[in-house]
Amino acid sequence: MKIMRILYSMLMLSALATSVSASANQSLSPRTYEKLNEIQTLLSEGKHVEVKTELLELEADLSPGFGLALTYQIHAQLHLSQENTVQAIVYFNKALELEALKAVQAVSIATNVSQLYLSDGDTEAAIKVLKPRIEAAEAEKEKSTISMAYITLGSAYQVKGDFNGSIPWLKEGIARSTKPRENWLQMLMAAHYQLKQYPEAVNLLNQLIVINESKEEYWLQQASLYQLQGKPKKALEVLEIAYVRGWLKKEDGLILLVQLLVTQGIPERGGRFLYEMLQQNLVELSESNWSLLASAWIQGRERKSAILALENAALLSEQLESDRSKRDSLKDEGLENKNKAAGLYYRVAQLQFDEGDFSGSIKNYQKSLGLGLSGKKVGTAILMQGNSYFELANYKMAKVYFSKALSEPGSSNSARAWLNYMQQLELFES
């Protein structure tokens, strides 16, 4: 990563190669001008030993001024090509300290120095070397400073954690570019996000989506920001557009779309959508996803479909418990899955009872109890089995389960009432 940053900084120095010829008629002697061009040619050919020798000789001959400043710049380029950032910084700073360059030229060098400081994690030095140079360049000639200088300074403030400080510099850098880079907008968006300035972050994501529409992360970030602002409908709109355009592919995004469809009053659509994804293996056939599908079907009043989804969720959870219980290191996790499976079978049994499937309800209440159902639900599960047997006209078994429910604190009163009722029925029929 560090080498990549250095190479990037070297690209920024391309302007220096032209500075020799562009400034040849300022304060360079013909001899110095030709010598600098020869040295640059050697550097481009990778002849580092010859370059170093020539530079040292030229530096010894030159008086402080524009020619020496250019020589120091090339010396810095030599060290960069050798990945010696420390010495590169030294020579760039030597060039700046001569104060022989125009402010506009100096700010370009300061930008590179600042980037090198940032690559070494020295944000204070990065800011110190660049900020006054930008101010001097703007004082010399307004709007003369390159975008990269502002972006680099904004980056330094952001790395420092000063997001308020970074925003004006990043904004100005972006404004000065006819085609702002994607990562510049990313940095500005991140600064607004850190400061909880969500509307500004959303607007920047709009720009990022225009630049790189296929990047799923941008769509998900924008949906998340709308949720943070309490605008779930806008979040849903964003994800629906992303899905229609084919950019929503990761499971997290697809599941979020389903969740929003359910919570925004379109559970049937959410259910159909998730069911199709499960069938096509676009999302994992997990207990949580089957549970979400069941929730969608329940809210959409599709109870039979909800029962099937919950049964799949319960079965998967039970299988996970069975697999993990064999591994000692995951006993706690296995117990958690066992309890979850018990709760899911309990919910299935409730729905089955409501749908009149009393035999299925009995079976799943028994499964839930067998997997360790706990708390007040134990009494309810026993009581509801009695109710189911009663509905099936199996009064003998109904009495058995109502009697069992008497020993459970949460169901004893109801069980006693049922037993009294059945006794009265028997007296009436006799």
Protein backbone atom coordinates (compact mmCIF):
# COMPACT_ATOMS: atom_id res chain seq x y z
CA MET A 1 0.00 0.00 0.00
CA LYS A 2 2.82 2.38 0.90
CA ILE A 3 4.60 1.70 -2.40
CA MET A 4 1.39 2.38 -4.29
CA ARG A 5 1.05 5.73 -2.59
CA ILE A 6 4.63 6.57 -3.48
CA LEU A 7 4.04 5.67 -7.11
CA TYR A 8 0.94 7.82 -7.06
CA SER A 9 3.01 10.71 -5.71
CA MET A 10 5.48 10.18 -8.51
CA LEU A 11 2.72 10.63 -11.04
CA MET A 12 2.01 13.98 -9.44
CA LEU A 13 5.55 15.01 -10.27
CA SER A 14 4.99 14.82 -14.00
CA ALA A 15 4.48 18.57 -14.00
CA LEU A 16 8.03 19.03 -12.74
CA ALA A 17 9.47 17.54 -15.88
CA THR A 18 7.98 20.36 -17.89
CA SER A 19 8.91 23.01 -15.37
CA VAL A 20 12.51 22.97 -16.55
CA SER A 21 11.68 23.88 -20.13
CA ALA A 22 8.84 26.18 -19.15
CA SER A 23 11.12 28.16 -16.89
CA ALA A 24 14.26 28.08 -18.98
CA ASN A 25 13.96 31.75 -19.81
CA GLN A 26 13.45 32.87 -16.19
CA SER A 27 16.64 32.47 -14.18
CA LEU A 28 18.32 29.37 -15.58
CA SER A 29 21.56 29.54 -17.47
CA PRO A 30 21.67 27.54 -20.72
CA ARG A 31 24.24 25.23 -19.11
CA THR A 32 21.99 24.54 -16.07
CA TYR A 33 18.98 24.07 -18.29
CA GLU A 34 20.74 21.50 -20.46
CA LYS A 35 22.23 19.74 -17.45
CA LEU A 36 18.86 19.33 -15.75
CA ASN A 37 17.38 17.88 -18.93
CA GLU A 38 20.27 15.42 -19.20
CA ILE A 39 19.79 14.34 -15.58
CA GLN A 40 16.07 13.83 -16.08
CA THR A 41 16.78 11.66 -19.09
CA LEU A 42 19.19 9.54 -17.04
CA LEU A 43 16.57 9.24 -14.29
CA SER A 44 13.94 8.06 -16.77
CA GLU A 45 16.41 5.39 -17.91
CA GLY A 46 16.90 4.18 -14.35
CA LYS A 47 20.60 5.14 -14.18
CA HIS A 48 20.46 6.08 -10.52
CA VAL A 49 24.20 6.08 -9.79
CA GLU A 50 24.91 8.49 -12.64
CA VAL A 51 21.95 10.66 -11.63
CA LYS A 52 23.18 10.95 -8.06
CA THR A 53 26.70 11.89 -9.17
CA GLU A 54 25.45 14.52 -11.60
CA LEU A 55 23.05 16.02 -9.06
CA LEU A 56 25.68 16.33 -6.34
CA GLU A 57 28.07 18.04 -8.74
CA LEU A 58 25.37 20.44 -9.95
CA GLU A 59 24.19 21.24 -6.42
CA ALA A 60 27.79 22.07 -5.43
CA ASP A 61 28.12 24.48 -8.35
CA LEU A 62 24.78 26.32 -8.09
CA SER A 63 24.00 29.25 -5.86
CA PRO A 64 20.68 29.34 -3.98
CA GLY A 65 17.96 30.15 -6.45
CA PHE A 66 15.58 28.76 -9.01
CA GLY A 67 18.10 26.38 -10.61
CA LEU A 68 19.04 24.83 -7.29
CA ALA A 69 15.38 24.46 -6.38
CA LEU A 70 14.76 22.47 -9.57
CA THR A 71 17.84 20.37 -8.86
CA TYR A 72 16.56 19.51 -5.40
CA GLN A 73 13.23 18.51 -6.92
CA ILE A 74 14.93 16.03 -9.26
CA HIS A 75 17.00 14.76 -6.35
CA ALA A 76 13.74 14.10 -4.51
CA GLN A 77 12.45 12.21 -7.56
CA LEU A 78 15.55 10.06 -7.48
CA HIS A 79 14.88 9.07 -3.88
CA LEU A 80 11.24 8.38 -4.67
CA SER A 81 12.26 6.03 -7.47
CA GLN A 82 14.34 4.20 -4.86
CA GLU A 83 11.41 4.19 -2.42
CA ASN A 84 13.31 6.33 0.07
CA THR A 85 10.54 8.64 1.26
CA VAL A 86 12.56 10.13 4.09
CA GLN A 87 15.23 11.54 1.79
CA ALA A 88 12.63 12.51 -0.81
CA ILE A 89 10.93 14.67 1.80
CA VAL A 90 14.27 16.21 2.78
CA TYR A 91 15.02 17.33 -0.77
CA PHE A 92 11.51 18.55 -1.50
CA ASN A 93 11.69 20.65 1.64
CA LYS A 94 15.09 21.98 0.60
CA ALA A 95 13.54 23.13 -2.66
CA LEU A 96 10.71 24.86 -0.80
CA GLU A 97 13.00 26.48 1.76
CA LEU A 98 14.89 28.35 -0.98
CA GLU A 99 11.70 30.36 -1.65
CA ALA A 100 12.85 30.61 -5.27
CA LEU A 101 9.66 29.22 -6.80
CA LYS A 102 6.45 31.00 -7.57
CA ALA A 103 3.73 30.22 -5.06
CA VAL A 104 1.80 28.21 -7.67
CA GLN A 105 4.88 26.06 -8.33
CA ALA A 106 5.61 25.69 -4.63
CA VAL A 107 2.12 24.44 -3.84
CA SER A 108 2.58 21.56 -6.30
CA ILE A 109 5.73 20.46 -4.51
CA ALA A 110 4.12 20.96 -1.11
CA THR A 111 1.24 18.73 -2.23
CA ASN A 112 3.67 15.91 -2.97
CA VAL A 113 5.47 16.41 0.32
CA SER A 114 2.15 16.37 2.16
CA GLN A 115 1.21 13.11 0.45
CA LEU A 116 4.50 11.58 1.51
CA TYR A 117 3.95 12.67 5.10
CA LEU A 118 0.49 11.11 4.96
CA SER A 119 1.91 7.83 3.67
CA ASP A 120 4.08 7.80 6.81
CA GLY A 121 1.11 8.70 9.04
CA ASP A 122 2.38 12.19 9.98
CA THR A 123 -0.81 14.23 9.55
CA GLU A 124 0.45 17.26 11.45
CA ALA A 125 3.46 17.63 9.15
CA ALA A 126 1.23 17.05 6.11
CA ILE A 127 -1.02 19.94 7.13
CA LYS A 128 1.83 22.22 8.19
CA VAL A 129 3.69 21.97 4.89
CA LEU A 130 0.67 22.36 2.60
CA LYS A 131 -1.82 24.75 4.17
CA PRO A 132 0.36 27.91 4.09
CA ARG A 133 1.45 27.13 0.54
CA ILE A 134 -2.15 26.97 -0.66
CA GLU A 135 -2.91 30.26 1.06
CA ALA A 136 0.19 31.85 -0.49
CA ALA A 137 -0.68 30.57 -3.96
CA GLU A 138 -4.23 31.93 -3.72
CA ALA A 139 -2.90 35.26 -2.50
CA GLU A 140 -0.54 35.39 -5.48
CA LYS A 141 -3.20 34.41 -7.98
CA GLU A 142 -6.76 33.54 -7.05
CA LYS A 143 -8.10 30.15 -8.22
CA SER A 144 -4.62 29.08 -9.30
CA THR A 145 -4.22 26.12 -6.93
CA ILE A 146 -4.77 22.64 -8.32
CA SER A 147 -7.60 20.47 -7.03
CA MET A 148 -5.20 17.83 -5.71
CA ALA A 149 -3.69 20.28 -3.24
CA TYR A 150 -7.08 20.88 -1.62
CA ILE A 151 -7.95 17.19 -1.67
CA THR A 152 -4.63 16.26 -0.08
CA LEU A 153 -5.09 18.80 2.70
CA GLY A 154 -8.67 17.65 3.26
CA SER A 155 -7.41 14.06 3.42
CA ALA A 156 -4.87 15.03 6.08
CA TYR A 157 -7.56 16.57 8.27
CA GLN A 158 -9.75 13.51 7.77
CA VAL A 159 -7.00 11.05 8.69
CA LYS A 160 -6.42 13.19 11.76
CA GLY A 161 -10.09 12.71 12.65
CA ASP A 162 -10.96 16.38 12.15
CA PHE A 163 -13.97 15.91 9.86
CA ASN A 164 -15.17 19.48 10.27
CA GLY A 165 -11.73 20.66 9.21
CA SER A 166 -11.63 18.36 6.19
CA ILE A 167 -14.96 19.32 4.61
CA PRO A 168 -14.16 22.85 3.29
CA TRP A 169 -10.90 21.70 1.71
CA LEU A 170 -12.48 18.65 0.09
CA LYS A 171 -15.40 20.71 -1.18
CA GLU A 172 -13.10 23.27 -2.75
CA GLY A 173 -10.96 20.58 -4.37
CA ILE A 174 -14.04 18.94 -5.86
CA ALA A 175 -15.42 22.28 -7.03
CA ARG A 176 -12.18 23.05 -8.87
CA SER A 177 -12.29 19.83 -10.85
CA THR A 178 -14.33 19.41 -14.02
CA LYS A 179 -14.46 15.67 -13.32
CA PRO A 180 -14.05 14.92 -9.59
CA ARG A 181 -12.58 11.55 -8.77
CA GLU A 182 -14.74 8.93 -7.15
CA ASN A 183 -12.56 8.62 -4.05
CA TRP A 184 -12.74 12.39 -3.47
CA LEU A 185 -16.51 12.22 -3.25
CA GLN A 186 -16.20 9.14 -1.04
CA MET A 187 -14.03 11.06 1.42
CA LEU A 188 -16.43 14.00 1.55
CA MET A 189 -19.39 11.68 1.99
CA ALA A 190 -17.60 9.88 4.84
CA ALA A 191 -16.89 13.20 6.59
CA HIS A 192 -20.56 14.21 6.47
CA TYR A 193 -21.55 10.75 7.70
CA GLN A 194 -19.18 10.94 10.66
CA LEU A 195 -20.71 14.30 11.59
CA LYS A 196 -24.22 12.83 11.23
CA GLN A 197 -24.93 15.24 8.37
CA TYR A 198 -27.00 12.60 6.61
CA PRO A 199 -28.78 14.71 3.96
CA GLU A 200 -25.41 15.94 2.66
CA ALA A 201 -24.09 12.37 2.64
CA VAL A 202 -27.15 11.20 0.69
CA ASN A 203 -26.60 13.92 -1.95
CA LEU A 204 -23.00 12.85 -2.39
CA LEU A 205 -24.08 9.23 -2.78
CA ASN A 206 -26.35 10.40 -5.59
CA GLN A 207 -23.25 11.72 -7.34
CA LEU A 208 -21.31 8.54 -6.63
CA ILE A 209 -24.12 6.42 -8.06
CA VAL A 210 -24.02 8.50 -11.25
CA ILE A 211 -20.25 7.89 -11.49
CA ASN A 212 -20.37 4.18 -10.61
CA GLU A 213 -23.94 2.89 -10.71
CA SER A 214 -22.91 -0.76 -10.51
CA LYS A 215 -21.31 -0.39 -7.07
CA GLU A 216 -23.83 -2.07 -4.77
CA GLU A 217 -22.25 -0.52 -1.69
CA TYR A 218 -23.46 2.95 -2.68
CA TRP A 219 -27.09 1.84 -2.94
CA LEU A 220 -26.91 0.07 0.42
CA GLN A 221 -25.24 3.07 2.09
CA GLN A 222 -27.89 5.41 0.76
CA ALA A 223 -30.69 3.13 1.97
CA SER A 224 -29.01 2.95 5.37
CA LEU A 225 -28.75 6.74 5.56
CA TYR A 226 -32.45 7.11 4.80
CA GLN A 227 -33.20 4.66 7.60
CA LEU A 228 -31.04 6.69 9.98
CA GLN A 229 -33.14 9.71 9.06
CA GLY A 230 -36.36 7.83 9.78
CA LYS A 231 -37.29 7.60 6.09
CA PRO A 232 -37.86 3.88 5.47
CA LYS A 233 -39.99 4.52 2.37
CA LYS A 234 -37.09 6.35 0.72
CA ALA A 235 -34.79 3.50 1.73
CA LEU A 236 -37.18 1.04 0.10
CA GLU A 237 -37.31 3.12 -3.09
CA VAL A 238 -33.51 3.11 -3.33
CA LEU A 239 -33.23 -0.66 -2.93
CA GLU A 240 -36.06 -1.35 -5.36
CA ILE A 241 -34.33 0.75 -8.03
CA ALA A 242 -31.05 -1.03 -7.35
CA TYR A 243 -32.74 -4.42 -7.64
CA VAL A 244 -34.58 -3.57 -10.85
CA ARG A 245 -31.31 -2.35 -12.40
CA GLY A 246 -29.55 -5.54 -11.39
CA TRP A 247 -27.11 -4.10 -8.88
CA LEU A 248 -28.54 -5.60 -5.69
CA LYS A 249 -26.89 -8.99 -5.38
CA LYS A 250 -25.46 -9.51 -1.90
CA GLU A 251 -27.62 -11.31 0.63
CA ASP A 252 -27.55 -8.46 3.15
CA GLY A 253 -29.05 -6.07 0.61
CA LEU A 254 -31.65 -8.53 -0.63
CA ILE A 255 -32.77 -9.37 2.90
CA LEU A 256 -32.94 -5.66 3.79
CA LEU A 257 -35.21 -5.14 0.78
CA VAL A 258 -37.54 -7.91 2.05
CA GLN A 259 -37.54 -6.47 5.57
CA LEU A 260 -38.48 -3.03 4.25
CA LEU A 261 -41.26 -4.47 2.08
CA VAL A 262 -42.69 -6.19 5.14
CA THR A 263 -42.41 -3.20 7.47
CA GLN A 264 -43.76 -0.79 4.87
CA GLY A 265 -47.01 -2.67 4.49
CA ILE A 266 -46.25 -4.82 1.46
CA PRO A 267 -45.66 -8.19 3.20
CA GLU A 268 -47.16 -10.30 0.41
CA ARG A 269 -44.68 -8.89 -2.08
CA GLY A 270 -41.85 -9.31 0.39
CA GLY A 271 -42.87 -12.92 0.99
CA ARG A 272 -43.05 -13.77 -2.71
CA PHE A 273 -39.74 -12.06 -3.33
CA LEU A 274 -37.95 -13.90 -0.51
CA TYR A 275 -39.52 -17.24 -1.45
CA GLU A 276 -38.21 -16.85 -5.02
CA MET A 277 -34.75 -15.99 -3.72
CA LEU A 278 -34.73 -19.05 -1.46
CA GLN A 279 -35.82 -21.26 -4.35
CA GLN A 280 -33.07 -19.84 -6.59
CA ASN A 281 -30.40 -20.06 -3.86
CA LEU A 282 -29.82 -16.31 -4.07
CA VAL A 283 -29.90 -16.21 -0.28
CA GLU A 284 -28.92 -18.81 2.28
CA LEU A 285 -31.49 -21.42 3.26
CA SER A 286 -31.04 -20.39 6.88
CA GLU A 287 -33.31 -20.47 9.90
CA SER A 288 -33.35 -16.65 10.05
CA ASN A 289 -34.39 -16.31 6.41
CA TRP A 290 -37.15 -18.91 6.74
CA SER A 291 -38.32 -17.09 9.87
CA LEU A 292 -38.39 -13.82 7.96
CA LEU A 293 -40.42 -15.50 5.21
CA ALA A 294 -42.87 -16.78 7.81
CA SER A 295 -43.20 -13.30 9.27
CA ALA A 296 -43.96 -11.92 5.80
CA TRP A 297 -46.60 -14.59 5.17
CA ILE A 298 -48.19 -14.06 8.59
CA GLN A 299 -48.47 -10.30 8.06
CA GLY A 300 -49.81 -11.00 4.59
CA ARG A 301 -52.37 -13.37 6.13
CA GLU A 302 -50.97 -16.35 4.24
CA ARG A 303 -51.00 -18.63 7.26
CA LYS A 304 -50.54 -21.95 5.47
CA SER A 305 -47.45 -20.63 3.70
CA ALA A 306 -46.24 -19.22 7.01
CA ILE A 307 -46.57 -22.65 8.63
CA LEU A 308 -44.42 -24.26 5.95
CA ALA A 309 -41.78 -21.54 6.28
CA LEU A 310 -41.69 -21.86 10.08
CA GLU A 311 -41.41 -25.64 9.85
CA ASN A 312 -38.39 -25.24 7.57
CA ALA A 313 -36.88 -22.73 10.00
CA ALA A 314 -37.46 -25.04 12.94
CA LEU A 315 -36.03 -28.04 11.12
CA LEU A 316 -32.87 -26.14 10.15
CA SER A 317 -32.41 -24.86 13.67
CA GLU A 318 -32.86 -28.37 15.05
CA GLN A 319 -30.31 -29.73 12.59
CA LEU A 320 -27.81 -27.06 13.58
CA GLU A 321 -28.28 -28.00 17.22
CA SER A 322 -27.73 -31.65 16.41
CA ASP A 323 -24.55 -30.95 14.46
CA ARG A 324 -23.06 -28.53 16.96
CA SER A 325 -23.91 -30.54 20.05
CA LYS A 326 -21.28 -33.02 18.87
CA ARG A 327 -18.59 -30.36 19.25
CA ASP A 328 -17.70 -29.54 22.84
CA SER A 329 -16.45 -26.04 22.01
CA LEU A 330 -19.87 -25.03 20.74
CA LYS A 331 -22.15 -26.41 23.45
CA ASP A 332 -23.58 -23.00 24.28
CA GLU A 333 -24.31 -22.29 20.65
CA GLY A 334 -25.95 -25.70 20.29
CA LEU A 335 -28.18 -25.01 23.28
CA GLU A 336 -29.16 -21.67 21.76
CA ASN A 337 -30.22 -23.38 18.53
CA LYS A 338 -32.12 -26.03 20.48
CA ASN A 339 -34.08 -23.37 22.35
CA LYS A 340 -34.70 -21.52 19.10
CA ALA A 341 -36.02 -24.68 17.44
CA ALA A 342 -38.33 -25.27 20.41
CA GLY A 343 -39.75 -21.76 20.05
CA LEU A 344 -40.25 -22.17 16.30
CA TYR A 345 -42.11 -25.47 16.66
CA TYR A 346 -44.25 -23.82 19.34
CA ARG A 347 -45.15 -21.01 16.89
CA VAL A 348 -45.95 -23.56 14.18
CA ALA A 349 -48.27 -25.39 16.54
CA GLN A 350 -50.10 -22.16 17.39
CA LEU A 351 -50.71 -21.38 13.72
CA GLN A 352 -51.80 -24.94 13.00
CA PHE A 353 -54.33 -24.80 15.82
CA ASP A 354 -55.70 -21.50 14.42
CA GLU A 355 -56.00 -23.16 11.00
CA GLY A 356 -57.83 -26.18 12.45
CA ASP A 357 -54.95 -28.62 11.94
CA PHE A 358 -55.26 -30.06 15.44
CA SER A 359 -53.24 -33.22 14.79
CA GLY A 360 -50.36 -31.16 13.37
CA SER A 361 -50.62 -28.79 16.31
CA ILE A 362 -50.30 -31.65 18.82
CA LYS A 363 -47.26 -33.04 17.00
CA ASN A 364 -45.41 -29.73 17.00
CA TYR A 365 -46.29 -28.82 20.58
CA GLN A 366 -44.76 -32.17 21.53
CA LYS A 367 -41.65 -31.39 19.48
CA SER A 368 -41.26 -28.02 21.18
CA LEU A 369 -41.49 -29.60 24.62
CA GLY A 370 -39.06 -32.33 23.63
CA LEU A 371 -36.50 -29.70 22.61
CA GLY A 372 -36.65 -27.99 25.98
CA LEU A 373 -39.37 -25.38 25.74
CA SER A 374 -39.18 -23.27 28.89
CA GLY A 375 -41.10 -20.76 30.98
CA LYS A 376 -44.84 -20.18 30.81
CA LYS A 377 -44.92 -21.65 27.33
CA VAL A 378 -44.56 -25.14 28.81
CA GLY A 379 -47.94 -24.93 30.48
CA THR A 380 -49.52 -23.37 27.41
CA ALA A 381 -48.12 -26.13 25.15
CA ILE A 382 -49.56 -28.84 27.41
CA LEU A 383 -52.89 -27.03 27.71
CA MET A 384 -53.15 -26.50 23.95
CA GLN A 385 -52.58 -30.19 23.34
CA GLY A 386 -55.58 -30.82 25.58
CA ASN A 387 -57.57 -28.28 23.53
CA SER A 388 -56.50 -29.98 20.30
CA TYR A 389 -57.56 -33.41 21.53
CA PHE A 390 -60.86 -31.91 22.64
CA GLU A 391 -61.43 -30.49 19.15
CA LEU A 392 -60.66 -33.94 17.74
CA ALA A 393 -63.28 -35.38 20.12
CA ASN A 394 -60.62 -37.45 21.84
CA TYR A 395 -61.88 -36.55 25.29
CA LYS A 396 -59.85 -39.18 27.08
CA MET A 397 -56.55 -37.70 25.86
CA ALA A 398 -57.88 -34.19 26.40
CA LYS A 399 -58.39 -35.01 30.09
CA VAL A 400 -54.88 -36.44 30.28
CA TYR A 401 -53.30 -33.22 29.04
CA PHE A 402 -55.57 -30.91 31.01
CA SER A 403 -54.60 -32.88 34.11
CA LYS A 404 -50.91 -32.48 33.25
CA ALA A 405 -51.44 -28.75 32.79
CA LEU A 406 -52.72 -28.49 36.37
CA SER A 407 -49.13 -28.78 37.64
CA GLU A 408 -47.96 -25.80 35.60
CA PRO A 409 -48.49 -22.40 37.33
CA GLY A 410 -49.25 -20.57 34.13
CA SER A 411 -51.93 -22.95 32.93
CA SER A 412 -53.44 -24.49 36.08
CA ASN A 413 -56.50 -22.21 36.22
CA SER A 414 -57.41 -22.77 32.58
CA ALA A 415 -56.81 -26.49 32.91
CA ARG A 416 -59.08 -26.71 35.96
CA ALA A 417 -61.79 -24.78 34.10
CA TRP A 418 -61.57 -27.21 31.17
CA LEU A 419 -61.75 -30.23 33.42
CA ASN A 420 -64.80 -28.80 35.21
CA TYR A 421 -66.41 -28.06 31.87
CA MET A 422 -65.82 -31.59 30.62
CA GLN A 423 -67.23 -33.02 33.85
CA GLN A 424 -70.38 -30.96 33.40
CA LEU A 425 -70.69 -32.19 29.80
CA GLU A 426 -70.45 -35.78 30.97
CA LEU A 427 -73.15 -35.22 33.59
CA PHE A 428 -75.36 -33.51 31.03
CA GLU A 429 -74.93 -36.33 28.49
CA SER A 430 -75.59 -39.01 31.09
